[in-house]
Structures are given as C-alpha cells and as structure tokens.
Amino acid sequence: MSFTTLAFGMPGPTEMMIIGGVALLIFGNRLPSVAKSLGKSFTEFKKGIAGIEDDIDSAVTADKKPPVTAAPTAAPTVSQPAAHE
C-alpha cells in the first residue's frame, strides 16, 4: 500500500507558494498587521511559558535546598584606649 507524501507530509515549495498566494488574496492590505499581531501573540506566549518554567524550577530547587540557618554573629569589638603609665 502506497501513500503520497502530499497528503500526509509537509507541503513542498509549490504548495507553500499556493498557500501564500491564497493568504495574500484573503488578507490583502491587512497582511502586515496580521503578521505583526501574530508575532506579538507568539512573543507573549513564549514569555508566559518562560514564567511558568521559572516558577517550576524555583519550586523544585527550593525543595532540594536544606533550610538556611542564620550564622551566629560575633559581638562587636570595642577598641580600648591604650593605658598610659
């Protein structure tokens, strides 16, 4: 049984040109603004994903770290004036 790659694979260069032409016909002058808003949406999505990943990483590393205890502080030293004989 043989399947064609056109039906199940990625579109080739000719198909991409046809898709681009159809998009140009549909969107016309609005195509640059549509692409710009799509790019902004993608950027915001990536920022959101990065924020979630940071939260997960900080939660995982917080569980692995031992609790931090405060180091004892030394009493401040007071310099004594030299005794005059």
C-alpha atoms as a PDB file:
ATOM      1  CA  MET A   1       0.000   0.000   0.000  1.00  0.00           C
ATOM      2  CA  SER A   2       1.492   3.325  -1.029  1.00  0.00           C
ATOM      3  CA  PHE A   3       0.686   6.762   0.353  1.00  0.00           C
ATOM      4  CA  THR A   4       1.555  10.009  -1.325  1.00  0.00           C
ATOM      5  CA  THR A   5       3.640  12.409   0.706  1.00  0.00           C
ATOM      6  CA  LEU A   6       1.457  15.286  -0.449  1.00  0.00           C
ATOM      7  CA  ALA A   7      -1.476  14.056   1.598  1.00  0.00           C
ATOM      8  CA  PHE A   8       0.476  13.176   4.733  1.00  0.00           C
ATOM      9  CA  GLY A   9       3.719  15.169   4.682  1.00  0.00           C
ATOM     10  CA  MET A  10       4.813  18.762   4.874  1.00  0.00           C
ATOM     11  CA  PRO A  11       3.836  20.928   1.920  1.00  0.00           C
ATOM     12  CA  GLY A  12       6.520  21.392  -0.703  1.00  0.00           C
ATOM     13  CA  PRO A  13       7.673  24.660  -2.255  1.00  0.00           C
ATOM     14  CA  THR A  14       4.851  24.741  -4.801  1.00  0.00           C
ATOM     15  CA  GLU A  15       2.194  24.181  -2.161  1.00  0.00           C
ATOM     16  CA  MET A  16       3.747  26.870   0.061  1.00  0.00           C
ATOM     17  CA  MET A  17       3.581  29.356  -2.832  1.00  0.00           C
ATOM     18  CA  ILE A  18      -0.070  28.498  -3.393  1.00  0.00           C
ATOM     19  CA  ILE A  19      -0.843  28.914   0.321  1.00  0.00           C
ATOM     20  CA  GLY A  20       0.994  32.266   0.329  1.00  0.00           C
ATOM     21  CA  GLY A  21      -0.953  33.434  -2.723  1.00  0.00           C
ATOM     22  CA  VAL A  22      -4.270  32.472  -1.131  1.00  0.00           C
ATOM     23  CA  ALA A  23      -3.291  34.255   2.090  1.00  0.00           C
ATOM     24  CA  LEU A  24      -2.381  37.350   0.073  1.00  0.00           C
ATOM     25  CA  LEU A  25      -5.744  37.273  -1.686  1.00  0.00           C
ATOM     26  CA  ILE A  26      -7.685  36.787   1.562  1.00  0.00           C
ATOM     27  CA  PHE A  27      -5.868  39.279   3.778  1.00  0.00           C
ATOM     28  CA  GLY A  28      -4.669  41.767   1.135  1.00  0.00           C
ATOM     29  CA  ASN A  29      -3.516  45.027   2.730  1.00  0.00           C
ATOM     30  CA  ARG A  30      -4.118  43.700   6.241  1.00  0.00           C
ATOM     31  CA  LEU A  31      -1.440  41.005   5.933  1.00  0.00           C
ATOM     32  CA  PRO A  32       1.382  43.048   7.586  1.00  0.00           C
ATOM     33  CA  SER A  33      -0.821  43.946  10.569  1.00  0.00           C
ATOM     34  CA  VAL A  34      -1.999  40.333  10.875  1.00  0.00           C
ATOM     35  CA  ALA A  35       1.612  39.110  10.852  1.00  0.00           C
ATOM     36  CA  LYS A  36       2.587  41.742  13.426  1.00  0.00           C
ATOM     37  CA  SER A  37      -0.224  40.778  15.811  1.00  0.00           C
ATOM     38  CA  LEU A  38       0.577  37.090  15.317  1.00  0.00           C
ATOM     39  CA  GLY A  39       4.227  37.791  16.199  1.00  0.00           C
ATOM     40  CA  LYS A  40       3.215  39.730  19.330  1.00  0.00           C
ATOM     41  CA  SER A  41       0.915  36.900  20.388  1.00  0.00           C
ATOM     42  CA  PHE A  42       3.690  34.358  19.913  1.00  0.00           C
ATOM     43  CA  THR A  43       6.116  36.502  21.931  1.00  0.00           C
ATOM     44  CA  GLU A  44       3.646  36.858  24.814  1.00  0.00           C
ATOM     45  CA  PHE A  45       3.017  33.115  24.735  1.00  0.00           C
ATOM     46  CA  LYS A  46       6.759  32.410  24.995  1.00  0.00           C
ATOM     47  CA  LYS A  47       7.070  34.879  27.915  1.00  0.00           C
ATOM     48  CA  GLY A  48       4.221  33.134  29.701  1.00  0.00           C
ATOM     49  CA  ILE A  49       5.788  29.716  29.178  1.00  0.00           C
ATOM     50  CA  ALA A  50       9.166  31.006  30.413  1.00  0.00           C
ATOM     51  CA  GLY A  51       7.498  32.413  33.549  1.00  0.00           C
ATOM     52  CA  ILE A  52       5.847  29.089  34.285  1.00  0.00           C
ATOM     53  CA  GLU A  53       9.140  27.252  33.743  1.00  0.00           C
ATOM     54  CA  ASP A  54      10.906  29.651  36.138  1.00  0.00           C
ATOM     55  CA  ASP A  55       8.227  29.073  38.785  1.00  0.00           C
ATOM     56  CA  ILE A  56       8.555  25.304  38.428  1.00  0.00           C
ATOM     57  CA  ASP A  57      12.363  25.448  38.558  1.00  0.00           C
ATOM     58  CA  SER A  58      12.339  27.635  41.662  1.00  0.00           C
ATOM     59  CA  ALA A  59       9.834  25.320  43.363  1.00  0.00           C
ATOM     60  CA  VAL A  60      11.936  22.246  42.571  1.00  0.00           C
ATOM     61  CA  THR A  61      15.212  23.804  43.692  1.00  0.00           C
ATOM     62  CA  ALA A  62      13.577  25.181  46.863  1.00  0.00           C
ATOM     63  CA  ASP A  63      12.566  21.638  47.817  1.00  0.00           C
ATOM     64  CA  LYS A  64      16.099  20.308  47.322  1.00  0.00           C
ATOM     65  CA  LYS A  65      17.940  23.001  49.297  1.00  0.00           C
ATOM     66  CA  PRO A  66      18.413  22.491  53.058  1.00  0.00           C
ATOM     67  CA  PRO A  67      16.871  25.220  55.207  1.00  0.00           C
ATOM     68  CA  VAL A  68      19.143  28.188  55.635  1.00  0.00           C
ATOM     69  CA  THR A  69      20.114  28.908  59.238  1.00  0.00           C
ATOM     70  CA  ALA A  70      21.375  32.275  60.280  1.00  0.00           C
ATOM     71  CA  ALA A  71      25.077  32.273  61.055  1.00  0.00           C
ATOM     72  CA  PRO A  72      25.886  33.467  64.569  1.00  0.00           C
ATOM     73  CA  THR A  73      27.213  36.970  64.545  1.00  0.00           C
ATOM     74  CA  ALA A  74      30.261  37.880  66.558  1.00  0.00           C
ATOM     75  CA  ALA A  75      29.913  40.532  69.218  1.00  0.00           C
ATOM     76  CA  PRO A  76      31.212  43.860  68.013  1.00  0.00           C
ATOM     77  CA  THR A  77      34.717  44.568  69.210  1.00  0.00           C
ATOM     78  CA  VAL A  78      35.275  47.802  71.039  1.00  0.00           C
ATOM     79  CA  SER A  79      38.754  49.219  70.822  1.00  0.00           C
ATOM     80  CA  GLN A  80      40.109  50.103  74.244  1.00  0.00           C
ATOM     81  CA  PRO A  81      42.268  53.197  74.593  1.00  0.00           C
ATOM     82  CA  ALA A  82      45.858  52.421  75.465  1.00  0.00           C
ATOM     83  CA  ALA A  83      46.628  52.764  79.158  1.00  0.00           C
ATOM     84  CA  HIS A  84      49.115  55.475  79.931  1.00  0.00           C
ATOM     85  CA  GLU A  85      51.646  54.688  82.550  1.00  0.00           C
END
